[in-house]
Amino acid sequence: MVVERFRGGDARPVYERARDRGRLLPDGLRYVDSWVEANLGRCFQLMECDDLTLLTEWIAQWTDLVEFEVIPVVTSSQASAVVNAGQPMPGSA
């Protein structure tokens, strides 16, 4: 999950670049869906990739307009399978 905060609270430059140049996704990084706060303060994007460098490459295309927070997530069914198997969640202590 990628949380984007629009620099200066201004979403317009982000939407203009996306309109003019597309999402600028490197091959192998998949955009799943996104949700934007009603006040246009933040965008929440779900992305998929097997190589973290693809995500950082994509972020580099937008960092002049957006501050990023990347939160690794798993689906509820994946979490349930791990919990039901008695295994620790990846990344937990």
PDB file of N, CA and C in Angstrom:
ATOM      1  N   MET A   1       0.863  -1.165   0.000  1.00  0.00           N
ATOM      2  CA  MET A   1       0.000   0.000   0.000  1.00  0.00           C
ATOM      3  C   MET A   1       0.905   1.221   0.000  1.00  0.00           C
ATOM      4  N   VAL A   2       0.621   2.141  -0.884  1.00  0.00           N
ATOM      5  CA  VAL A   2       1.384   3.381  -0.976  1.00  0.00           C
ATOM      6  C   VAL A   2       0.468   4.526  -0.560  1.00  0.00           C
ATOM      7  N   VAL A   3       0.913   5.282   0.430  1.00  0.00           N
ATOM      8  CA  VAL A   3       0.177   6.475   0.849  1.00  0.00           C
ATOM      9  C   VAL A   3       0.929   7.672   0.273  1.00  0.00           C
ATOM     10  N   GLU A   4       0.226   8.455  -0.503  1.00  0.00           N
ATOM     11  CA  GLU A   4       0.814   9.638  -1.119  1.00  0.00           C
ATOM     12  C   GLU A   4       0.242  10.884  -0.459  1.00  0.00           C
ATOM     13  N   ARG A   5       1.130  11.811  -0.132  1.00  0.00           N
ATOM     14  CA  ARG A   5       0.718  13.128   0.357  1.00  0.00           C
ATOM     15  C   ARG A   5       1.176  14.139  -0.682  1.00  0.00           C
ATOM     16  N   PHE A   6       0.246  14.866  -1.228  1.00  0.00           N
ATOM     17  CA  PHE A   6       0.555  15.821  -2.283  1.00  0.00           C
ATOM     18  C   PHE A   6       1.354  16.985  -1.710  1.00  0.00           C
ATOM     19  N   ARG A   7       2.503  17.263  -2.296  1.00  0.00           N
ATOM     20  CA  ARG A   7       3.368  18.353  -1.809  1.00  0.00           C
ATOM     21  C   ARG A   7       2.607  19.681  -1.910  1.00  0.00           C
ATOM     22  N   GLY A   8       2.667  20.443  -0.836  1.00  0.00           N
ATOM     23  CA  GLY A   8       1.965  21.718  -0.790  1.00  0.00           C
ATOM     24  C   GLY A   8       0.460  21.566  -0.738  1.00  0.00           C
ATOM     25  N   GLY A   9      -0.022  20.331  -0.511  1.00  0.00           N
ATOM     26  CA  GLY A   9      -1.459  20.085  -0.474  1.00  0.00           C
ATOM     27  C   GLY A   9      -2.134  20.259  -1.818  1.00  0.00           C
ATOM     28  N   ASP A  10      -1.347  20.227  -2.895  1.00  0.00           N
ATOM     29  CA  ASP A  10      -1.879  20.496  -4.234  1.00  0.00           C
ATOM     30  C   ASP A  10      -1.852  19.238  -5.092  1.00  0.00           C
ATOM     31  N   ALA A  11      -3.000  18.660  -5.346  1.00  0.00           N
ATOM     32  CA  ALA A  11      -3.115  17.452  -6.160  1.00  0.00           C
ATOM     33  C   ALA A  11      -3.062  17.746  -7.658  1.00  0.00           C
ATOM     34  N   ARG A  12      -3.327  18.974  -8.054  1.00  0.00           N
ATOM     35  CA  ARG A  12      -3.440  19.308  -9.482  1.00  0.00           C
ATOM     36  C   ARG A  12      -2.206  18.904 -10.305  1.00  0.00           C
ATOM     37  N   PRO A  13      -0.959  19.214  -9.868  1.00  0.00           N
ATOM     38  CA  PRO A  13       0.199  18.830 -10.684  1.00  0.00           C
ATOM     39  C   PRO A  13       0.323  17.318 -10.884  1.00  0.00           C
ATOM     40  N   VAL A  14      -0.103  16.552  -9.896  1.00  0.00           N
ATOM     41  CA  VAL A  14      -0.051  15.093 -10.007  1.00  0.00           C
ATOM     42  C   VAL A  14      -1.028  14.616 -11.081  1.00  0.00           C
ATOM     43  N   TYR A  15      -2.233  15.126 -11.041  1.00  0.00           N
ATOM     44  CA  TYR A  15      -3.228  14.719 -12.032  1.00  0.00           C
ATOM     45  C   TYR A  15      -2.852  15.204 -13.433  1.00  0.00           C
ATOM     46  N   GLU A  16      -2.207  16.368 -13.521  1.00  0.00           N
ATOM     47  CA  GLU A  16      -1.772  16.864 -14.826  1.00  0.00           C
ATOM     48  C   GLU A  16      -0.683  15.966 -15.421  1.00  0.00           C
ATOM     49  N   ARG A  17       0.304  15.573 -14.593  1.00  0.00           N
ATOM     50  CA  ARG A  17       1.359  14.686 -15.092  1.00  0.00           C
ATOM     51  C   ARG A  17       0.781  13.335 -15.485  1.00  0.00           C
ATOM     52  N   ALA A  18      -0.102  12.805 -14.659  1.00  0.00           N
ATOM     53  CA  ALA A  18      -0.717  11.512 -14.982  1.00  0.00           C
ATOM     54  C   ALA A  18      -1.496  11.597 -16.294  1.00  0.00           C
ATOM     55  N   ARG A  19      -2.190  12.697 -16.505  1.00  0.00           N
ATOM     56  CA  ARG A  19      -2.939  12.887 -17.754  1.00  0.00           C
ATOM     57  C   ARG A  19      -1.993  12.963 -18.950  1.00  0.00           C
ATOM     58  N   ASP A  20      -0.888  13.692 -18.786  1.00  0.00           N
ATOM     59  CA  ASP A  20       0.025  13.931 -19.896  1.00  0.00           C
ATOM     60  C   ASP A  20       0.986  12.778 -20.163  1.00  0.00           C
ATOM     61  N   ARG A  21       1.405  12.068 -19.101  1.00  0.00           N
ATOM     62  CA  ARG A  21       2.468  11.063 -19.251  1.00  0.00           C
ATOM     63  C   ARG A  21       2.091   9.676 -18.781  1.00  0.00           C
ATOM     64  N   GLY A  22       0.879   9.512 -18.234  1.00  0.00           N
ATOM     65  CA  GLY A  22       0.468   8.211 -17.716  1.00  0.00           C
ATOM     66  C   GLY A  22       1.017   7.984 -16.315  1.00  0.00           C
ATOM     67  N   ARG A  23       0.915   6.760 -15.844  1.00  0.00           N
ATOM     68  CA  ARG A  23       1.341   6.419 -14.477  1.00  0.00           C
ATOM     69  C   ARG A  23       2.853   6.278 -14.339  1.00  0.00           C
ATOM     70  N   LEU A  24       3.565   6.151 -15.436  1.00  0.00           N
ATOM     71  CA  LEU A  24       5.015   6.010 -15.445  1.00  0.00           C
ATOM     72  C   LEU A  24       5.478   4.752 -14.713  1.00  0.00           C
ATOM     73  N   LEU A  25       4.721   3.681 -14.863  1.00  0.00           N
ATOM     74  CA  LEU A  25       5.045   2.416 -14.200  1.00  0.00           C
ATOM     75  C   LEU A  25       6.134   1.662 -14.959  1.00  0.00           C
ATOM     76  N   PRO A  26       7.180   1.221 -14.270  1.00  0.00           N
ATOM     77  CA  PRO A  26       8.156   0.351 -14.933  1.00  0.00           C
ATOM     78  C   PRO A  26       7.532  -1.033 -15.168  1.00  0.00           C
ATOM     79  N   ASP A  27       8.025  -1.741 -16.170  1.00  0.00           N
ATOM     80  CA  ASP A  27       7.536  -3.103 -16.427  1.00  0.00           C
ATOM     81  C   ASP A  27       7.737  -3.955 -15.182  1.00  0.00           C
ATOM     82  N   GLY A  28       6.693  -4.667 -14.780  1.00  0.00           N
ATOM     83  CA  GLY A  28       6.746  -5.529 -13.608  1.00  0.00           C
ATOM     84  C   GLY A  28       6.078  -4.945 -12.379  1.00  0.00           C
ATOM     85  N   LEU A  29       5.797  -3.649 -12.405  1.00  0.00           N
ATOM     86  CA  LEU A  29       5.055  -3.022 -11.305  1.00  0.00           C
ATOM     87  C   LEU A  29       3.612  -2.870 -11.757  1.00  0.00           C
ATOM     88  N   ARG A  30       2.699  -3.407 -10.962  1.00  0.00           N
ATOM     89  CA  ARG A  30       1.291  -3.408 -11.354  1.00  0.00           C
ATOM     90  C   ARG A  30       0.478  -2.518 -10.436  1.00  0.00           C
ATOM     91  N   TYR A  31      -0.249  -1.582 -11.032  1.00  0.00           N
ATOM     92  CA  TYR A  31      -1.212  -0.744 -10.325  1.00  0.00           C
ATOM     93  C   TYR A  31      -2.482  -1.567 -10.161  1.00  0.00           C
ATOM     94  N   VAL A  32      -2.996  -1.675  -8.925  1.00  0.00           N
ATOM     95  CA  VAL A  32      -4.213  -2.445  -8.659  1.00  0.00           C
ATOM     96  C   VAL A  32      -5.417  -1.511  -8.583  1.00  0.00           C
ATOM     97  N   ASP A  33      -5.360  -0.517  -7.712  1.00  0.00           N
ATOM     98  CA  ASP A  33      -6.463   0.429  -7.554  1.00  0.00           C
ATOM     99  C   ASP A  33      -6.003   1.553  -6.640  1.00  0.00           C
ATOM    100  N   SER A  34      -6.788   2.626  -6.575  1.00  0.00           N
ATOM    101  CA  SER A  34      -6.451   3.718  -5.672  1.00  0.00           C
ATOM    102  C   SER A  34      -7.707   4.384  -5.145  1.00  0.00           C
ATOM    103  N   TRP A  35      -7.531   5.055  -4.017  1.00  0.00           N
ATOM    104  CA  TRP A  35      -8.599   5.793  -3.357  1.00  0.00           C
ATOM    105  C   TRP A  35      -8.009   7.119  -2.920  1.00  0.00           C
ATOM    106  N   VAL A  36      -8.776   8.183  -3.045  1.00  0.00           N
ATOM    107  CA  VAL A  36      -8.303   9.519  -2.696  1.00  0.00           C
ATOM    108  C   VAL A  36      -9.222  10.085  -1.619  1.00  0.00           C
ATOM    109  N   GLU A  37      -8.618  10.704  -0.604  1.00  0.00           N
ATOM    110  CA  GLU A  37      -9.415  11.381   0.415  1.00  0.00           C
ATOM    111  C   GLU A  37     -10.310  12.411  -0.261  1.00  0.00           C
ATOM    112  N   ALA A  38     -11.489  12.604   0.287  1.00  0.00           N
ATOM    113  CA  ALA A  38     -12.447  13.544  -0.292  1.00  0.00           C
ATOM    114  C   ALA A  38     -11.893  14.967  -0.353  1.00  0.00           C
ATOM    115  N   ASN A  39     -11.000  15.325   0.564  1.00  0.00           N
ATOM    116  CA  ASN A  39     -10.412  16.670   0.562  1.00  0.00           C
ATOM    117  C   ASN A  39      -9.167  16.759  -0.327  1.00  0.00           C
ATOM    118  N   LEU A  40      -8.862  15.688  -1.042  1.00  0.00           N
ATOM    119  CA  LEU A  40      -7.715  15.589  -1.954  1.00  0.00           C
ATOM    120  C   LEU A  40      -6.368  15.728  -1.249  1.00  0.00           C
ATOM    121  N   GLY A  41      -6.330  15.416   0.038  1.00  0.00           N
ATOM    122  CA  GLY A  41      -5.084  15.524   0.791  1.00  0.00           C
ATOM    123  C   GLY A  41      -4.139  14.363   0.594  1.00  0.00           C
ATOM    124  N   ARG A  42      -4.696  13.167   0.464  1.00  0.00           N
ATOM    125  CA  ARG A  42      -3.874  11.965   0.318  1.00  0.00           C
ATOM    126  C   ARG A  42      -4.507  11.018  -0.686  1.00  0.00           C
ATOM    127  N   CYS A  43      -3.637  10.202  -1.259  1.00  0.00           N
ATOM    128  CA  CYS A  43      -4.074   9.134  -2.153  1.00  0.00           C
ATOM    129  C   CYS A  43      -3.522   7.825  -1.607  1.00  0.00           C
ATOM    130  N   PHE A  44      -4.318   6.782  -1.653  1.00  0.00           N
ATOM    131  CA  PHE A  44      -3.929   5.451  -1.189  1.00  0.00           C
ATOM    132  C   PHE A  44      -3.934   4.537  -2.406  1.00  0.00           C
ATOM    133  N   GLN A  45      -2.760   4.031  -2.774  1.00  0.00           N
ATOM    134  CA  GLN A  45      -2.651   3.189  -3.965  1.00  0.00           C
ATOM    135  C   GLN A  45      -2.201   1.798  -3.577  1.00  0.00           C
ATOM    136  N   LEU A  46      -2.844   0.820  -4.167  1.00  0.00           N
ATOM    137  CA  LEU A  46      -2.420  -0.559  -3.989  1.00  0.00           C
ATOM    138  C   LEU A  46      -1.629  -0.962  -5.223  1.00  0.00           C
ATOM    139  N   MET A  47      -0.381  -1.350  -5.003  1.00  0.00           N
ATOM    140  CA  MET A  47       0.532  -1.727  -6.069  1.00  0.00           C
ATOM    141  C   MET A  47       1.033  -3.140  -5.796  1.00  0.00           C
ATOM    142  N   GLU A  48       1.425  -3.852  -6.851  1.00  0.00           N
ATOM    143  CA  GLU A  48       1.985  -5.198  -6.709  1.00  0.00           C
ATOM    144  C   GLU A  48       3.289  -5.296  -7.488  1.00  0.00           C
ATOM    145  N   CYS A  49       4.288  -5.940  -6.854  1.00  0.00           N
ATOM    146  CA  CYS A  49       5.530  -6.241  -7.558  1.00  0.00           C
ATOM    147  C   CYS A  49       6.315  -7.279  -6.763  1.00  0.00           C
ATOM    148  N   ASP A  50       7.200  -7.961  -7.464  1.00  0.00           N
ATOM    149  CA  ASP A  50       8.079  -8.934  -6.819  1.00  0.00           C
ATOM    150  C   ASP A  50       9.443  -8.345  -6.519  1.00  0.00           C
ATOM    151  N   ASP A  51       9.711  -7.161  -7.044  1.00  0.00           N
ATOM    152  CA  ASP A  51      11.018  -6.538  -6.913  1.00  0.00           C
ATOM    153  C   ASP A  51      10.836  -5.118  -6.397  1.00  0.00           C
ATOM    154  N   LEU A  52      11.284  -4.868  -5.187  1.00  0.00           N
ATOM    155  CA  LEU A  52      11.106  -3.559  -4.548  1.00  0.00           C
ATOM    156  C   LEU A  52      11.769  -2.433  -5.339  1.00  0.00           C
ATOM    157  N   THR A  53      12.807  -2.748  -6.106  1.00  0.00           N
ATOM    158  CA  THR A  53      13.460  -1.696  -6.890  1.00  0.00           C
ATOM    159  C   THR A  53      12.509  -1.107  -7.927  1.00  0.00           C
ATOM    160  N   LEU A  54      11.546  -1.880  -8.396  1.00  0.00           N
ATOM    161  CA  LEU A  54      10.554  -1.352  -9.342  1.00  0.00           C
ATOM    162  C   LEU A  54       9.704  -0.274  -8.682  1.00  0.00           C
ATOM    163  N   LEU A  55       9.339  -0.508  -7.433  1.00  0.00           N
ATOM    164  CA  LEU A  55       8.539   0.472  -6.705  1.00  0.00           C
ATOM    165  C   LEU A  55       9.353   1.749  -6.467  1.00  0.00           C
ATOM    166  N   THR A  56      10.610   1.608  -6.093  1.00  0.00           N
ATOM    167  CA  THR A  56      11.435   2.791  -5.863  1.00  0.00           C
ATOM    168  C   THR A  56      11.702   3.539  -7.176  1.00  0.00           C
ATOM    169  N   GLU A  57      11.808   2.818  -8.275  1.00  0.00           N
ATOM    170  CA  GLU A  57      11.966   3.459  -9.585  1.00  0.00           C
ATOM    171  C   GLU A  57      10.731   4.294  -9.927  1.00  0.00           C
ATOM    172  N   TRP A  58       9.562   3.751  -9.653  1.00  0.00           N
ATOM    173  CA  TRP A  58       8.309   4.479  -9.905  1.00  0.00           C
ATOM    174  C   TRP A  58       8.209   5.708  -9.000  1.00  0.00           C
ATOM    175  N   ILE A  59       8.530   5.542  -7.723  1.00  0.00           N
ATOM    176  CA  ILE A  59       8.466   6.649  -6.773  1.00  0.00           C
ATOM    177  C   ILE A  59       9.362   7.800  -7.239  1.00  0.00           C
ATOM    178  N   ALA A  60      10.528   7.478  -7.777  1.00  0.00           N
ATOM    179  CA  ALA A  60      11.463   8.504  -8.236  1.00  0.00           C
ATOM    180  C   ALA A  60      10.853   9.394  -9.322  1.00  0.00           C
ATOM    181  N   GLN A  61       9.877   8.863 -10.077  1.00  0.00           N
ATOM    182  CA  GLN A  61       9.226   9.635 -11.130  1.00  0.00           C
ATOM    183  C   GLN A  61       8.256  10.682 -10.579  1.00  0.00           C
ATOM    184  N   TRP A  62       7.898  10.547  -9.294  1.00  0.00           N
ATOM    185  CA  TRP A  62       6.850  11.387  -8.710  1.00  0.00           C
ATOM    186  C   TRP A  62       7.288  12.149  -7.464  1.00  0.00           C
ATOM    187  N   THR A  63       8.472  11.904  -6.974  1.00  0.00           N
ATOM    188  CA  THR A  63       8.870  12.444  -5.676  1.00  0.00           C
ATOM    189  C   THR A  63       8.928  13.971  -5.640  1.00  0.00           C
ATOM    190  N   ASP A  64       9.032  14.622  -6.791  1.00  0.00           N
ATOM    191  CA  ASP A  64       9.017  16.076  -6.803  1.00  0.00           C
ATOM    192  C   ASP A  64       7.632  16.633  -6.484  1.00  0.00           C
ATOM    193  N   LEU A  65       6.591  15.798  -6.664  1.00  0.00           N
ATOM    194  CA  LEU A  65       5.211  16.243  -6.445  1.00  0.00           C
ATOM    195  C   LEU A  65       4.539  15.585  -5.244  1.00  0.00           C
ATOM    196  N   VAL A  66       5.110  14.474  -4.775  1.00  0.00           N
ATOM    197  CA  VAL A  66       4.426  13.647  -3.784  1.00  0.00           C
ATOM    198  C   VAL A  66       5.411  13.161  -2.722  1.00  0.00           C
ATOM    199  N   GLU A  67       4.972  13.124  -1.466  1.00  0.00           N
ATOM    200  CA  GLU A  67       5.701  12.458  -0.389  1.00  0.00           C
ATOM    201  C   GLU A  67       5.093  11.071  -0.240  1.00  0.00           C
ATOM    202  N   PHE A  68       5.928  10.045  -0.159  1.00  0.00           N
ATOM    203  CA  PHE A  68       5.456   8.658  -0.161  1.00  0.00           C
ATOM    204  C   PHE A  68       5.688   7.965   1.171  1.00  0.00           C
ATOM    205  N   GLU A  69       4.735   7.119   1.524  1.00  0.00           N
ATOM    206  CA  GLU A  69       4.883   6.160   2.614  1.00  0.00           C
ATOM    207  C   GLU A  69       4.497   4.802   2.031  1.00  0.00           C
ATOM    208  N   VAL A  70       5.391   3.821   2.136  1.00  0.00           N
ATOM    209  CA  VAL A  70       5.134   2.487   1.592  1.00  0.00           C
ATOM    210  C   VAL A  70       4.895   1.538   2.754  1.00  0.00           C
ATOM    211  N   ILE A  71       3.760   0.849   2.709  1.00  0.00           N
ATOM    212  CA  ILE A  71       3.367  -0.077   3.767  1.00  0.00           C
ATOM    213  C   ILE A  71       3.147  -1.453   3.140  1.00  0.00           C
ATOM    214  N   PRO A  72       4.039  -2.420   3.402  1.00  0.00           N
ATOM    215  CA  PRO A  72       3.816  -3.767   2.870  1.00  0.00           C
ATOM    216  C   PRO A  72       2.536  -4.351   3.473  1.00  0.00           C
ATOM    217  N   VAL A  73       1.687  -4.916   2.638  1.00  0.00           N
ATOM    218  CA  VAL A  73       0.442  -5.525   3.095  1.00  0.00           C
ATOM    219  C   VAL A  73       0.270  -6.899   2.460  1.00  0.00           C
ATOM    220  N   VAL A  74      -0.549  -7.710   3.089  1.00  0.00           N
ATOM    221  CA  VAL A  74      -0.970  -8.995   2.545  1.00  0.00           C
ATOM    222  C   VAL A  74      -2.492  -9.010   2.538  1.00  0.00           C
ATOM    223  N   THR A  75      -3.082  -9.884   1.753  1.00  0.00           N
ATOM    224  CA  THR A  75      -4.537  -9.989   1.739  1.00  0.00           C
ATOM    225  C   THR A  75      -5.024 -10.599   3.050  1.00  0.00           C
ATOM    226  N   SER A  76      -6.282 -10.419   3.331  1.00  0.00           N
ATOM    227  CA  SER A  76      -6.866 -11.009   4.535  1.00  0.00           C
ATOM    228  C   SER A  76      -6.758 -12.528   4.509  1.00  0.00           C
ATOM    229  N   SER A  77      -6.957 -13.134   3.341  1.00  0.00           N
ATOM    230  CA  SER A  77      -6.864 -14.588   3.255  1.00  0.00           C
ATOM    231  C   SER A  77      -5.431 -15.064   3.490  1.00  0.00           C
ATOM    232  N   GLN A  78      -4.434 -14.313   3.029  1.00  0.00           N
ATOM    233  CA  GLN A  78      -3.046 -14.679   3.310  1.00  0.00           C
ATOM    234  C   GLN A  78      -2.750 -14.562   4.796  1.00  0.00           C
ATOM    235  N   ALA A  79      -3.219 -13.509   5.434  1.00  0.00           N
ATOM    236  CA  ALA A  79      -3.011 -13.335   6.869  1.00  0.00           C
ATOM    237  C   ALA A  79      -3.696 -14.447   7.651  1.00  0.00           C
ATOM    238  N   SER A  80      -4.914 -14.797   7.245  1.00  0.00           N
ATOM    239  CA  SER A  80      -5.652 -15.865   7.914  1.00  0.00           C
ATOM    240  C   SER A  80      -4.914 -17.196   7.816  1.00  0.00           C
ATOM    241  N   ALA A  81      -4.363 -17.488   6.656  1.00  0.00           N
ATOM    242  CA  ALA A  81      -3.635 -18.744   6.472  1.00  0.00           C
ATOM    243  C   ALA A  81      -2.414 -18.801   7.379  1.00  0.00           C
ATOM    244  N   VAL A  82      -1.702 -17.692   7.512  1.00  0.00           N
ATOM    245  CA  VAL A  82      -0.521 -17.654   8.369  1.00  0.00           C
ATOM    246  C   VAL A  82      -0.938 -17.824   9.830  1.00  0.00           C
ATOM    247  N   VAL A  83      -1.959 -17.089  10.253  1.00  0.00           N
ATOM    248  CA  VAL A  83      -2.409 -17.161  11.646  1.00  0.00           C
ATOM    249  C   VAL A  83      -2.931 -18.560  11.972  1.00  0.00           C
ATOM    250  N   ASN A  84      -3.724 -19.115  11.079  1.00  0.00           N
ATOM    251  CA  ASN A  84      -4.290 -20.445  11.326  1.00  0.00           C
ATOM    252  C   ASN A  84      -3.233 -21.537  11.321  1.00  0.00           C
ATOM    253  N   ALA A  85      -2.116 -21.297  10.656  1.00  0.00           N
ATOM    254  CA  ALA A  85      -1.016 -22.260  10.642  1.00  0.00           C
ATOM    255  C   ALA A  85      -0.106 -22.069  11.874  1.00  0.00           C
ATOM    256  N   GLY A  86      -0.381 -21.048  12.682  1.00  0.00           N
ATOM    257  CA  GLY A  86       0.411 -20.784  13.871  1.00  0.00           C
ATOM    258  C   GLY A  86       1.772 -20.189  13.567  1.00  0.00           C
ATOM    259  N   GLN A  87       1.934 -19.609  12.386  1.00  0.00           N
ATOM    260  CA  GLN A  87       3.208 -19.014  11.992  1.00  0.00           C
ATOM    261  C   GLN A  87       3.203 -17.526  12.320  1.00  0.00           C
ATOM    262  N   PRO A  88       4.377 -16.965  12.585  1.00  0.00           N
ATOM    263  CA  PRO A  88       4.438 -15.510  12.775  1.00  0.00           C
ATOM    264  C   PRO A  88       4.252 -14.800  11.433  1.00  0.00           C
ATOM    265  N   MET A  89       3.674 -13.628  11.478  1.00  0.00           N
ATOM    266  CA  MET A  89       3.501 -12.836  10.268  1.00  0.00           C
ATOM    267  C   MET A  89       4.876 -12.377   9.804  1.00  0.00           C
ATOM    268  N   PRO A  90       5.109 -12.341   8.503  1.00  0.00           N
ATOM    269  CA  PRO A  90       6.390 -11.820   8.004  1.00  0.00           C
ATOM    270  C   PRO A  90       6.610 -10.401   8.502  1.00  0.00           C
ATOM    271  N   GLY A  91       7.839 -10.124   8.944  1.00  0.00           N
ATOM    272  CA  GLY A  91       8.180  -8.795   9.424  1.00  0.00           C
ATOM    273  C   GLY A  91       7.848  -8.552  10.886  1.00  0.00           C
ATOM    274  N   SER A  92       7.215  -9.539  11.544  1.00  0.00           N
ATOM    275  CA  SER A  92       6.915  -9.342  12.967  1.00  0.00           C
ATOM    276  C   SER A  92       8.096  -9.822  13.807  1.00  0.00           C
ATOM    277  N   ALA A  93       8.168  -9.324  15.022  1.00  0.00           N
ATOM    278  CA  ALA A  93       9.301  -9.680  15.906  1.00  0.00           C
ATOM    279  C   ALA A  93       9.118 -11.048  16.504  1.00  0.00           C
TER     280      ALA A  93
END
